[in-house]
Amino acid sequence: MAKKLYVGNLSYSTTSESLKAGFEKAGSVIEATVLTDKMTGRSRGFGFVTMEDADAEKAIAMFDGKDFDGRNIKVNEAKPMEERPRRSFDSNRRSF
């Protein structure tokens, strides 16, 4: 079974490829993604790494709070996205 890890406080120079290469020291990486801003293409400073369960636990112990590309990163098990209420842009609303 695969486990998805949240990786925060990444350097803005960290790429998906360098994140994958770094986490491969802890085991087999299925997928590594650094999220980027849609407008600028610049890293948002966090990403996700998917690994097998045993490798994921090893990666958390190995990297959480440790230096990665010059920054102390935060690594923990990713939580599922919460359901958020749909935002309405009602054109009939009047502001006073």
Foldseek 3Di string as FASTA:
>chain_A
DKFKKKKAQADQPDAQVLVLVVLCVLPHWPGKGFDADPPPRIGPGIIMTMDHPVSLVSSQVVQAQDDDPRTRMHMDTDDDDDDDDDDDDDPPDDDD
